[in-house]
Amino acid sequence: MIIVDPVVLGDVPFTRASPKLVYDRTGTLVEVPADTLGVTYDPADLSKAPWALIEPAARNLARASEAFDDEWWGKAGSTVAGNSIAAPDGSLSADKLIESATNGGHYVDQTIAINGSSQYSRSVFAKAGERDQIRLEFYSVPTTAVRANVSFDLTTGLFFGETTTAGVVQTYSAQRLPNGWWRLVQVLNLATTDASCFFRVCLLGTGGSSVYTGDGFGGAYLWGAQLEAGDRASSYIRTSGDAVTRAADVVGAGAGLVYSNVPLVEPPYNVTTTYAKDAAVYDPATKIVYWSMVAGNVGKALSDPAFWNKRTAINRWAMFDDRNSTQTSNPEEIVSVFSAQAITQGLFAGAMDASEVRVSMTHPTRGLVYSETKSLVLPRSGSSFFGWCFNRLRLRTWFLTLKLPVFANALVTITIKKPGGVPKCGMCLLGPAIDVGLSLMGLSTELKDYSTTTFFTDGSSSTVERGFSKKMSVDISVESDRVETIEDDLIKRRQKTLVFLGSTMRGDTMLVGRFSSLRKVIDSFPRSKMALQIDGVLSQ
């Protein structure tokens, strides 16, 4: 049997003194406001789980990063048509680099101060036009003694034609985006005393030649140039007339919710505010919603039933309370990011109405360390053609993973999706997984319905529907020298809601609840038996 012991979640503060750009679920770059965690998708594969993007501060040294027709960019054998097509952020701001009808090189470049650092990453968004190959060139200035060039194919993302001077090491990559765009990245390890460099983007002719006779209209599309110190390209930072710094992402201390895309509808309670009758507020400490019972309600404690009517958890927090009958809902997808501040291998989500769950884990220094996508659609038939085609679609209402890597300070992102609908989740628990022994055959579950039916003398009846709960009885076999330890561990967790998994092979043996009895039988060596009676949480 496996037990997941949930971490007690609160609110974890997050700060970043500037906005940042991340990819949304369509692969479009969108701006996230300051002091809001950025959750990004992989634009090359939007079916992957999104993850919390935690980055140190970075500074884009390239000026006019989205305006290659600006005076900051020099032109040779070329012209630039500004705002020609839609850019990766969806705006009409991408420029076209057009070759002149001359023989020679056709490029744009900018001179940028590099401040003596030895590692730089540069990147640019590019899309094929009449020309489908471009080259990124780096030259130290003024001596041009240090050079590093690499060419990219904008139809395949493949690179070729790498050249460097002695002592320069470069790596490169191409990230595919929707609508034919690529983000081309070149990372350089330098050894130069020059104070500046050329950031150059060249069109290539037939055969990958940088020197050819242009036709006066052919070219490729460019957007979002970036040059930054460091050994990797960070999220894009837009600039206009000068370099721009994006502040560092800072996650506060403690275990809890760092980010949710579910909006807060009710305001937090303020003791100095005067509330009208039926005005709704929530208690920041408990996340419970209260309705005002009277007009002119000011300075009255939320615990006073004469003035406040206690309702249920706020929508954002309903999936984290102690009951699965209250559900968090949000159009299209629910995205939540946790900081567990503990080693947490297990994540459970239940009482769901959704078609898919995606889970990821991000480490502050190692980046994305785990990603999983799970469909909740159940098979409709084993072999029947009629059943496969015409039976009603069934969806699993729970999700469990025990595969999260063992990092104590990572962020876990869970995304619950229902495209075209409203996904719902009634319970979400995150915590370490504990192996308490081997479940034995004979495990049993039962359903307890708390509804009541009253029969009248005329034979009619009246039923009051109430909730129900699931119960489970299981015998486990454990090493005899572990019996006392397991018993002590369970005693410490009595009256605490846990996730019990009777068998990893059977999802119907999973129960969220508390154990009501524990019996041990020291009957042999080296193994003994323990018996658990588990009562599930109340469901509606």
Protein backbone atom coordinates (compact mmCIF):
# COMPACT_ATOMS: atom_id res chain seq x y z
CA MET A 1 0.00 0.00 0.00
CA ILE A 2 1.17 3.49 -0.87
CA ILE A 3 0.11 6.55 1.14
CA VAL A 4 0.52 10.14 -0.07
CA ASP A 5 0.77 12.49 2.91
CA PRO A 6 -0.37 15.93 1.67
CA VAL A 7 1.63 19.04 2.37
CA VAL A 8 -0.38 21.78 4.11
CA LEU A 9 -0.72 24.54 1.52
CA GLY A 10 -0.98 28.26 2.08
CA ASP A 11 -0.29 31.28 -0.11
CA VAL A 12 3.32 31.74 -1.25
CA PRO A 13 4.37 35.25 -2.28
CA PHE A 14 5.95 35.82 -5.68
CA THR A 15 7.71 38.93 -6.95
CA ARG A 16 9.26 40.13 -10.19
CA ALA A 17 9.68 43.86 -10.62
CA SER A 18 9.00 43.81 -14.38
CA PRO A 19 6.75 42.06 -16.92
CA LYS A 20 7.96 39.06 -18.91
CA LEU A 21 6.91 37.20 -22.06
CA VAL A 22 5.86 33.52 -22.12
CA TYR A 23 4.08 31.24 -24.60
CA ASP A 24 0.37 30.63 -24.05
CA ARG A 25 -1.53 27.46 -24.98
CA THR A 26 -1.68 28.54 -28.65
CA GLY A 27 2.09 29.10 -28.85
CA THR A 28 1.69 32.88 -28.94
CA LEU A 29 4.00 35.10 -26.91
CA VAL A 30 1.98 36.95 -24.27
CA GLU A 31 3.04 39.43 -21.61
CA VAL A 32 2.73 38.45 -17.95
CA PRO A 33 2.39 41.44 -15.58
CA ALA A 34 4.98 42.24 -12.93
CA ASP A 35 4.75 40.17 -9.72
CA THR A 36 2.88 37.38 -11.54
CA LEU A 37 4.52 34.01 -12.14
CA GLY A 38 5.00 33.13 -15.80
CA VAL A 39 3.70 29.70 -16.88
CA THR A 40 4.86 28.82 -20.37
CA TYR A 41 4.06 26.19 -23.00
CA ASP A 42 6.55 24.64 -25.40
CA PRO A 43 5.60 26.28 -28.72
CA ALA A 44 7.21 23.39 -30.62
CA ASP A 45 4.87 20.87 -28.94
CA LEU A 46 1.74 22.36 -27.39
CA SER A 47 0.61 18.92 -26.20
CA LYS A 48 3.31 18.95 -23.52
CA ALA A 49 2.62 20.08 -19.97
CA PRO A 50 3.23 23.81 -19.36
CA TRP A 51 5.70 24.70 -16.62
CA ALA A 52 6.58 27.53 -14.26
CA LEU A 53 9.34 29.59 -15.88
CA ILE A 54 11.74 30.73 -13.14
CA GLU A 55 14.65 32.85 -14.37
CA PRO A 56 17.35 35.12 -12.95
CA ALA A 57 17.53 38.73 -14.04
CA ALA A 58 18.59 39.26 -17.67
CA ARG A 59 19.34 42.28 -19.85
CA ASN A 60 18.74 42.49 -23.61
CA LEU A 61 21.60 44.60 -24.98
CA ALA A 62 20.15 44.79 -28.51
CA ARG A 63 18.39 48.07 -29.15
CA ALA A 64 15.20 48.39 -31.19
CA SER A 65 14.78 44.61 -30.98
CA GLU A 66 11.59 44.54 -33.06
CA ALA A 67 12.38 47.37 -35.51
CA PHE A 68 15.06 46.34 -38.00
CA ASP A 69 14.13 49.41 -40.06
CA ASP A 70 15.29 51.60 -37.12
CA GLU A 71 18.48 53.66 -37.31
CA TRP A 72 20.13 51.40 -34.75
CA TRP A 73 20.33 48.71 -37.44
CA GLY A 74 22.79 49.22 -40.31
CA LYS A 75 21.93 47.83 -43.74
CA ALA A 76 24.19 46.51 -46.48
CA GLY A 77 22.86 45.29 -49.81
CA SER A 78 19.37 45.29 -48.32
CA THR A 79 16.33 47.26 -47.26
CA VAL A 80 13.81 46.58 -44.50
CA ALA A 81 10.02 46.75 -44.84
CA GLY A 82 8.66 47.40 -41.36
CA ASN A 83 5.55 45.75 -39.89
CA SER A 84 5.10 43.35 -42.80
CA ILE A 85 3.48 40.30 -41.18
CA ALA A 86 2.22 39.03 -37.83
CA ALA A 87 5.00 38.45 -35.30
CA PRO A 88 5.22 35.60 -32.73
CA ASP A 89 3.24 37.77 -30.28
CA GLY A 90 0.38 38.09 -32.80
CA SER A 91 0.97 41.78 -33.52
CA LEU A 92 1.67 43.18 -37.01
CA SER A 93 5.25 44.06 -36.10
CA ALA A 94 7.58 41.61 -37.90
CA ASP A 95 9.88 43.17 -40.50
CA LYS A 96 11.00 41.84 -43.87
CA LEU A 97 14.71 41.93 -44.73
CA ILE A 98 14.76 42.42 -48.52
CA GLU A 99 17.82 41.80 -50.69
CA SER A 100 18.92 44.56 -53.07
CA ALA A 101 19.43 43.82 -56.78
CA THR A 102 23.20 43.96 -56.32
CA ASN A 103 26.01 41.45 -56.03
CA GLY A 104 27.43 41.08 -52.51
CA GLY A 105 26.22 40.50 -48.97
CA HIS A 106 22.66 41.28 -47.92
CA TYR A 107 22.33 41.85 -44.18
CA VAL A 108 21.42 44.04 -41.22
CA ASP A 109 23.63 44.50 -38.17
CA GLN A 110 24.02 46.45 -34.97
CA THR A 111 27.09 47.33 -32.90
CA ILE A 112 26.54 46.38 -29.24
CA ALA A 113 28.75 46.91 -26.18
CA ILE A 114 29.61 43.57 -24.56
CA ASN A 115 31.23 44.81 -21.35
CA GLY A 116 34.03 42.25 -21.25
CA SER A 117 31.91 39.18 -20.40
CA SER A 118 33.13 35.84 -21.74
CA GLN A 119 29.73 34.19 -22.35
CA TYR A 120 26.91 35.58 -24.47
CA SER A 121 23.68 34.22 -25.88
CA ARG A 122 22.04 35.82 -28.85
CA SER A 123 18.80 34.96 -30.52
CA VAL A 124 16.41 36.19 -33.17
CA PHE A 125 12.99 35.10 -34.41
CA ALA A 126 13.01 34.35 -38.15
CA LYS A 127 10.61 33.08 -40.79
CA ALA A 128 11.25 32.03 -44.37
CA GLY A 129 10.14 34.27 -47.22
CA GLU A 130 11.52 33.98 -50.73
CA ARG A 131 14.80 33.17 -48.99
CA ASP A 132 14.71 30.25 -46.56
CA GLN A 133 18.29 30.34 -45.24
CA ILE A 134 19.96 32.95 -43.05
CA ARG A 135 23.23 33.24 -41.18
CA LEU A 136 23.95 34.65 -37.73
CA GLU A 137 27.36 36.34 -37.62
CA PHE A 138 29.34 37.59 -34.61
CA TYR A 139 32.37 39.86 -34.91
CA SER A 140 34.31 41.50 -32.10
CA VAL A 141 34.75 45.26 -32.57
CA PRO A 142 36.98 47.03 -33.45
CA THR A 143 39.55 44.30 -34.25
CA THR A 144 37.14 41.67 -35.67
CA ALA A 145 39.65 39.16 -34.27
CA VAL A 146 36.91 37.01 -32.76
CA ARG A 147 34.29 35.58 -35.09
CA ALA A 148 31.55 32.97 -34.87
CA ASN A 149 29.07 32.25 -37.66
CA VAL A 150 26.35 29.66 -38.14
CA SER A 151 23.67 29.25 -40.82
CA PHE A 152 20.08 28.03 -40.39
CA ASP A 153 17.53 26.51 -42.74
CA LEU A 154 14.16 28.16 -41.98
CA THR A 155 12.13 25.28 -43.38
CA THR A 156 13.74 22.49 -41.34
CA GLY A 157 15.46 24.30 -38.45
CA LEU A 158 18.74 22.53 -39.30
CA PHE A 159 22.03 24.41 -39.02
CA PHE A 160 25.13 24.28 -41.19
CA GLY A 161 28.23 26.27 -42.15
CA GLU A 162 29.66 26.74 -38.67
CA THR A 163 32.85 28.81 -38.56
CA THR A 164 34.79 30.17 -35.58
CA THR A 165 38.16 31.68 -34.82
CA ALA A 166 40.58 29.98 -32.45
CA GLY A 167 39.45 29.83 -28.83
CA VAL A 168 35.75 30.47 -29.56
CA VAL A 169 33.21 27.80 -28.66
CA GLN A 170 29.65 28.09 -29.86
CA THR A 171 26.48 26.05 -29.53
CA TYR A 172 23.23 26.68 -31.31
CA SER A 173 19.63 25.59 -31.48
CA ALA A 174 16.39 26.32 -33.32
CA GLN A 175 13.04 26.33 -31.53
CA ARG A 176 10.00 25.81 -33.74
CA LEU A 177 7.05 28.17 -33.24
CA PRO A 178 3.61 28.18 -34.88
CA ASN A 179 3.04 29.79 -38.29
CA GLY A 180 6.49 29.00 -39.67
CA TRP A 181 8.50 30.99 -37.11
CA TRP A 182 11.75 29.83 -35.49
CA ARG A 183 13.71 31.21 -32.57
CA LEU A 184 17.36 30.82 -33.56
CA VAL A 185 19.84 30.74 -30.68
CA GLN A 186 23.63 31.02 -30.69
CA VAL A 187 25.59 30.66 -27.42
CA LEU A 188 29.21 31.88 -27.42
CA ASN A 189 32.18 31.37 -25.13
CA LEU A 190 34.59 34.16 -26.01
CA ALA A 191 38.15 35.25 -25.32
CA THR A 192 38.37 38.88 -26.42
CA THR A 193 39.38 42.25 -25.04
CA ASP A 194 37.23 44.13 -27.55
CA ALA A 195 34.46 46.18 -25.96
CA SER A 196 31.78 45.69 -28.65
CA CYS A 197 30.48 43.25 -31.21
CA PHE A 198 28.47 43.12 -34.42
CA PHE A 199 25.07 41.43 -34.18
CA ARG A 200 24.54 40.55 -37.86
CA VAL A 201 21.80 38.65 -39.71
CA CYS A 202 22.54 37.77 -43.35
CA LEU A 203 20.36 36.43 -46.12
CA LEU A 204 21.80 33.44 -47.96
CA GLY A 205 21.49 32.65 -51.64
CA THR A 206 21.48 29.36 -53.52
CA GLY A 207 23.83 26.85 -51.95
CA GLY A 208 24.04 28.80 -48.71
CA SER A 209 26.27 31.53 -50.12
CA SER A 210 26.34 34.86 -48.29
CA VAL A 211 27.59 36.66 -51.43
CA TYR A 212 25.20 36.57 -54.38
CA THR A 213 23.20 38.79 -56.74
CA GLY A 214 19.83 39.67 -55.27
CA ASP A 215 16.60 40.14 -57.20
CA GLY A 216 15.39 43.25 -55.38
CA PHE A 217 12.34 41.69 -53.69
CA GLY A 218 13.30 38.35 -52.12
CA GLY A 219 13.99 38.08 -48.43
CA ALA A 220 13.04 36.65 -45.01
CA TYR A 221 11.17 37.92 -41.95
CA LEU A 222 12.83 38.95 -38.68
CA TRP A 223 11.63 39.92 -35.20
CA GLY A 224 12.83 40.02 -31.62
CA ALA A 225 16.63 40.27 -31.61
CA GLN A 226 18.28 39.59 -28.25
CA LEU A 227 21.86 39.61 -26.94
CA GLU A 228 22.43 38.81 -23.27
CA ALA A 229 25.25 37.73 -20.99
CA GLY A 230 25.08 34.08 -19.94
CA ASP A 231 25.23 30.52 -21.21
CA ARG A 232 21.61 30.23 -22.37
CA ALA A 233 18.91 32.26 -24.07
CA SER A 234 16.28 33.41 -21.60
CA SER A 235 12.73 34.43 -22.35
CA TYR A 236 12.48 37.24 -24.87
CA ILE A 237 12.89 40.84 -23.63
CA ARG A 238 11.61 43.54 -26.01
CA THR A 239 13.51 46.80 -26.36
CA SER A 240 12.98 50.07 -28.18
CA GLY A 241 15.58 52.85 -27.85
CA ASP A 242 17.84 51.28 -25.26
CA ALA A 243 18.78 48.04 -23.51
CA VAL A 244 16.14 46.64 -21.14
CA THR A 245 16.52 44.52 -17.98
CA ARG A 246 13.97 41.91 -16.93
CA ALA A 247 13.94 41.45 -13.16
CA ALA A 248 14.54 38.08 -11.49
CA ASP A 249 11.70 35.74 -10.53
CA VAL A 250 11.60 35.41 -6.73
CA VAL A 251 9.48 32.73 -5.04
CA GLY A 252 8.82 33.37 -1.35
CA ALA A 253 9.34 30.93 1.49
CA GLY A 254 6.82 28.36 2.65
CA ALA A 255 4.66 25.65 1.12
CA GLY A 256 1.61 26.66 -0.85
CA LEU A 257 0.03 28.06 -3.96
CA VAL A 258 2.33 30.34 -5.95
CA TYR A 259 0.07 30.94 -8.97
CA SER A 260 -3.40 30.16 -10.27
CA ASN A 261 -5.09 31.27 -13.47
CA VAL A 262 -8.48 31.11 -11.72
CA PRO A 263 -9.50 34.74 -11.05
CA LEU A 264 -10.49 36.03 -7.63
CA VAL A 265 -14.08 37.26 -7.84
CA GLU A 266 -14.77 38.22 -4.22
CA PRO A 267 -12.52 40.84 -2.56
CA PRO A 268 -10.68 40.06 0.69
CA TYR A 269 -12.45 41.23 3.83
CA ASN A 270 -11.45 44.69 5.11
CA VAL A 271 -12.56 45.61 8.61
CA THR A 272 -12.79 49.33 7.70
CA THR A 273 -14.98 48.85 4.61
CA THR A 274 -18.77 49.30 4.80
CA TYR A 275 -20.57 46.45 3.02
CA ALA A 276 -24.05 46.41 1.53
CA LYS A 277 -26.52 43.60 2.14
CA ASP A 278 -25.59 40.44 0.16
CA ALA A 279 -22.09 41.77 -0.55
CA ALA A 280 -19.58 38.90 -0.81
CA VAL A 281 -16.07 38.87 0.68
CA TYR A 282 -13.56 36.19 1.56
CA ASP A 283 -11.42 35.58 4.61
CA PRO A 284 -7.74 35.71 3.52
CA ALA A 285 -6.80 33.27 6.30
CA THR A 286 -9.33 30.52 5.55
CA LYS A 287 -10.26 31.33 1.90
CA ILE A 288 -13.96 31.03 2.86
CA VAL A 289 -16.61 33.27 1.27
CA TYR A 290 -19.04 35.21 3.50
CA TRP A 291 -22.20 37.11 2.54
CA SER A 292 -23.24 40.25 4.35
CA MET A 293 -26.58 39.77 6.14
CA VAL A 294 -27.33 43.46 6.68
CA ALA A 295 -26.81 46.82 5.02
CA GLY A 296 -24.17 49.20 6.39
CA ASN A 297 -22.07 46.26 7.65
CA VAL A 298 -18.77 47.62 8.98
CA GLY A 299 -16.29 46.38 11.56
CA LYS A 300 -18.17 43.18 12.34
CA ALA A 301 -16.24 39.93 12.75
CA LEU A 302 -16.81 37.34 10.01
CA SER A 303 -17.53 34.82 12.75
CA ASP A 304 -20.64 36.78 13.84
CA PRO A 305 -23.64 34.98 12.23
CA ALA A 306 -25.86 37.99 12.81
CA PHE A 307 -23.88 39.93 10.23
CA TRP A 308 -22.16 37.33 8.02
CA ASN A 309 -23.38 34.12 6.38
CA LYS A 310 -20.57 31.59 5.94
CA ARG A 311 -20.67 29.98 2.52
CA THR A 312 -17.92 27.87 0.92
CA ALA A 313 -14.34 28.18 -0.29
CA ILE A 314 -13.52 30.71 -2.98
CA ASN A 315 -13.42 29.25 -6.49
CA ARG A 316 -9.61 29.34 -6.69
CA TRP A 317 -9.23 27.50 -3.38
CA ALA A 318 -12.12 24.99 -3.61
CA MET A 319 -9.83 22.26 -5.00
CA PHE A 320 -7.51 22.62 -1.99
CA ASP A 321 -10.05 22.50 0.85
CA ASP A 322 -10.89 19.37 2.86
CA ARG A 323 -13.94 18.28 0.88
CA ASN A 324 -14.40 17.14 -2.69
CA SER A 325 -17.95 18.44 -3.02
CA THR A 326 -16.60 21.97 -3.64
CA GLN A 327 -15.00 22.28 -7.06
CA THR A 328 -12.70 24.84 -8.67
CA SER A 329 -13.82 25.65 -12.22
CA ASN A 330 -12.43 27.80 -15.01
CA PRO A 331 -13.05 27.96 -18.79
CA GLU A 332 -10.78 25.73 -20.90
CA GLU A 333 -8.10 25.00 -18.29
CA ILE A 334 -7.17 25.26 -14.62
CA VAL A 335 -3.48 26.01 -14.04
CA SER A 336 -2.03 25.89 -10.52
CA VAL A 337 1.60 26.11 -9.40
CA PHE A 338 2.73 24.86 -5.96
CA SER A 339 5.85 25.26 -3.91
CA ALA A 340 5.94 22.21 -1.64
CA GLN A 341 9.21 23.01 0.18
CA ALA A 342 9.53 19.24 0.66
CA ILE A 343 10.30 16.10 -1.31
CA THR A 344 6.99 15.29 -2.96
CA GLN A 345 6.70 12.28 -5.23
CA GLY A 346 2.88 12.07 -5.19
CA LEU A 347 0.19 14.29 -6.69
CA PHE A 348 -3.51 13.44 -6.58
CA ALA A 349 -6.43 15.27 -8.19
CA GLY A 350 -9.99 14.05 -7.70
CA ALA A 351 -13.68 14.83 -8.16
CA MET A 352 -12.78 16.10 -11.63
CA ASP A 353 -14.73 16.87 -14.76
CA ALA A 354 -11.97 17.18 -17.35
CA SER A 355 -10.49 15.42 -20.37
CA GLU A 356 -6.77 15.72 -19.64
CA VAL A 357 -4.27 16.40 -16.86
CA ARG A 358 -0.74 17.68 -17.38
CA VAL A 359 1.90 17.84 -14.66
CA SER A 360 5.39 19.36 -14.71
CA MET A 361 8.14 20.11 -12.19
CA THR A 362 10.62 22.98 -12.45
CA HIS A 363 13.85 23.23 -10.45
CA PRO A 364 15.29 26.73 -9.81
CA THR A 365 18.67 25.89 -11.40
CA ARG A 366 18.03 22.76 -13.48
CA GLY A 367 14.91 24.03 -15.20
CA LEU A 368 12.25 21.60 -16.35
CA VAL A 369 12.92 18.19 -14.72
CA TYR A 370 9.60 16.38 -15.20
CA SER A 371 6.64 16.44 -17.56
CA GLU A 372 3.64 14.13 -17.87
CA THR A 373 0.40 14.28 -19.85
CA LYS A 374 -2.49 11.92 -19.04
CA SER A 375 -5.78 11.57 -20.89
CA LEU A 376 -8.81 11.00 -18.67
CA VAL A 377 -10.83 9.45 -21.50
CA LEU A 378 -11.62 5.81 -20.72
CA PRO A 379 -11.88 3.12 -23.43
CA ARG A 380 -15.46 2.66 -24.59
CA SER A 381 -15.28 -0.99 -25.56
CA GLY A 382 -12.86 -3.89 -25.61
CA SER A 383 -13.62 -5.38 -29.01
CA SER A 384 -17.15 -4.37 -29.95
CA PHE A 385 -17.34 -2.11 -33.02
CA PHE A 386 -20.74 -0.82 -31.92
CA GLY A 387 -19.50 -0.09 -28.40
CA TRP A 388 -16.36 1.62 -29.67
CA CYS A 389 -18.28 3.87 -32.05
CA PHE A 390 -21.55 4.51 -30.24
CA ASN A 391 -21.16 3.99 -26.49
CA ARG A 392 -21.19 7.15 -24.44
CA LEU A 393 -17.76 8.62 -23.74
CA ARG A 394 -16.58 8.05 -20.18
CA LEU A 395 -14.07 10.18 -18.32
CA ARG A 396 -11.97 9.20 -15.34
CA THR A 397 -12.65 11.53 -12.43
CA TRP A 398 -9.25 11.24 -10.74
CA PHE A 399 -5.54 11.45 -11.49
CA LEU A 400 -2.56 10.18 -9.50
CA THR A 401 1.17 10.19 -10.14
CA LEU A 402 3.92 8.91 -7.86
CA LYS A 403 6.73 9.78 -10.27
CA LEU A 404 7.68 13.33 -9.30
CA PRO A 405 11.48 13.67 -8.95
CA VAL A 406 12.90 14.03 -5.45
CA PHE A 407 13.58 17.77 -5.30
CA ALA A 408 12.72 19.65 -2.12
CA ASN A 409 12.58 23.17 -3.57
CA ALA A 410 10.99 22.61 -6.98
CA LEU A 411 7.74 24.04 -8.32
CA VAL A 412 4.97 21.68 -9.42
CA THR A 413 2.50 22.81 -12.10
CA ILE A 414 -0.78 20.97 -12.65
CA THR A 415 -2.95 21.83 -15.66
CA ILE A 416 -6.48 20.43 -15.86
CA LYS A 417 -7.95 20.80 -19.34
CA LYS A 418 -11.32 20.50 -21.03
CA PRO A 419 -11.10 22.15 -24.46
CA GLY A 420 -14.31 23.94 -25.35
CA GLY A 421 -15.72 23.37 -21.87
CA VAL A 422 -15.27 24.18 -18.21
CA PRO A 423 -12.94 21.81 -16.33
CA LYS A 424 -13.61 21.22 -12.64
CA CYS A 425 -11.55 19.80 -9.78
CA GLY A 426 -12.78 19.08 -6.26
CA MET A 427 -9.58 18.00 -4.55
CA CYS A 428 -5.84 18.39 -5.16
CA LEU A 429 -3.23 16.93 -2.80
CA LEU A 430 0.56 17.03 -3.09
CA GLY A 431 3.00 15.27 -0.79
CA PRO A 432 5.61 12.58 -0.18
CA ALA A 433 4.77 8.97 -1.01
CA ILE A 434 5.13 6.40 1.79
CA ASP A 435 5.32 2.66 1.18
CA VAL A 436 3.66 1.00 4.21
CA GLY A 437 3.72 -2.58 2.98
CA LEU A 438 2.36 -5.11 0.52
CA SER A 439 -1.43 -5.21 0.15
CA LEU A 440 -2.82 -8.73 0.44
CA MET A 441 -5.55 -10.36 -1.58
CA GLY A 442 -8.98 -9.86 -0.06
CA LEU A 443 -8.93 -6.07 -0.12
CA SER A 444 -12.51 -4.81 -0.15
CA THR A 445 -14.27 -1.52 -0.80
CA GLU A 446 -17.85 -0.48 -0.12
CA LEU A 447 -20.05 2.54 -0.75
CA LYS A 448 -21.94 4.13 2.15
CA ASP A 449 -24.93 6.27 1.10
CA TYR A 450 -26.14 8.74 3.72
CA SER A 451 -29.45 9.42 1.96
CA THR A 452 -32.62 8.47 3.83
CA THR A 453 -35.97 7.20 2.60
CA THR A 454 -39.17 7.51 4.64
CA PHE A 455 -42.11 5.18 3.80
CA PHE A 456 -45.68 6.29 4.48
CA THR A 457 -48.75 4.21 5.37
CA ASP A 458 -50.15 4.52 1.86
CA GLY A 459 -47.07 2.89 0.43
CA SER A 460 -45.52 6.05 -0.95
CA SER A 461 -42.07 7.21 0.08
CA SER A 462 -39.93 10.34 0.29
CA THR A 463 -36.16 10.33 -0.15
CA VAL A 464 -33.75 12.96 1.11
CA GLU A 465 -30.58 12.76 -0.95
CA ARG A 466 -27.35 13.30 0.94
CA GLY A 467 -23.73 12.61 0.27
CA PHE A 468 -21.96 9.26 0.17
CA SER A 469 -18.53 8.00 1.10
CA LYS A 470 -16.31 5.12 0.11
CA LYS A 471 -14.78 2.75 2.63
CA MET A 472 -11.93 0.30 2.26
CA SER A 473 -10.62 -2.62 4.32
CA VAL A 474 -7.14 -3.86 3.55
CA ASP A 475 -4.63 -6.24 5.10
CA ILE A 476 -0.98 -5.49 4.47
CA SER A 477 2.16 -7.55 4.91
CA VAL A 478 5.17 -5.73 6.32
CA GLU A 479 8.63 -6.63 7.60
CA SER A 480 8.33 -7.41 11.30
CA ASP A 481 11.02 -4.90 12.24
CA ARG A 482 9.00 -2.15 10.51
CA VAL A 483 5.68 -2.78 12.27
CA GLU A 484 6.36 -0.42 15.17
CA THR A 485 7.69 2.34 12.88
CA ILE A 486 4.69 2.13 10.55
CA GLU A 487 2.29 2.13 13.49
CA ASP A 488 3.95 5.26 14.96
CA ASP A 489 3.84 6.99 11.57
CA LEU A 490 0.14 6.25 11.12
CA ILE A 491 -0.70 7.35 14.67
CA LYS A 492 0.91 10.71 13.91
CA ARG A 493 -1.33 11.00 10.85
CA ARG A 494 -4.64 9.99 12.43
CA GLN A 495 -7.51 12.36 11.63
CA LYS A 496 -5.50 13.69 8.71
CA THR A 497 -6.78 13.36 5.16
CA LEU A 498 -4.43 11.09 3.21
CA VAL A 499 -4.39 9.42 -0.19
CA PHE A 500 -4.46 5.61 0.19
CA LEU A 501 -3.58 3.44 -2.81
CA GLY A 502 -4.38 -0.19 -2.07
CA SER A 503 -2.87 -1.42 -5.34
CA THR A 504 -0.86 0.37 -8.01
CA MET A 505 -2.55 -1.95 -10.53
CA ARG A 506 -6.12 -0.97 -9.60
CA GLY A 507 -7.27 2.63 -9.59
CA ASP A 508 -10.53 1.63 -7.91
CA THR A 509 -8.53 0.77 -4.76
CA MET A 510 -7.54 4.42 -4.32
CA LEU A 511 -9.26 6.32 -1.52
CA VAL A 512 -8.92 9.83 -0.10
CA GLY A 513 -9.82 9.84 3.57
CA ARG A 514 -8.70 8.88 7.07
CA PHE A 515 -8.10 5.54 8.71
CA SER A 516 -10.57 4.73 11.47
CA SER A 517 -8.90 1.61 12.81
CA LEU A 518 -5.48 -0.01 12.77
CA ARG A 519 -4.81 -3.57 13.86
CA LYS A 520 -1.48 -5.40 13.88
CA VAL A 521 -0.82 -9.12 14.08
CA ILE A 522 2.71 -10.25 14.95
CA ASP A 523 2.38 -13.76 13.57
CA SER A 524 5.63 -14.72 11.91
CA PHE A 525 9.18 -13.82 11.01
CA PRO A 526 10.36 -12.02 8.96
CA ARG A 527 6.91 -10.58 8.03
CA SER A 528 3.78 -9.68 9.96
CA LYS A 529 0.34 -8.32 9.13
CA MET A 530 -1.46 -5.04 9.70
CA ALA A 531 -5.12 -4.33 8.99
CA LEU A 532 -6.52 -0.91 8.11
CA GLN A 533 -10.09 0.36 7.94
CA ILE A 534 -10.24 3.54 5.87
CA ASP A 535 -13.15 5.97 5.61
CA GLY A 536 -13.25 8.17 2.53
CA VAL A 537 -14.18 11.82 2.50
CA LEU A 538 -17.83 12.71 1.94
CA SER A 539 -18.91 13.10 -1.68
CA GLN A 540 -22.01 14.66 -3.13
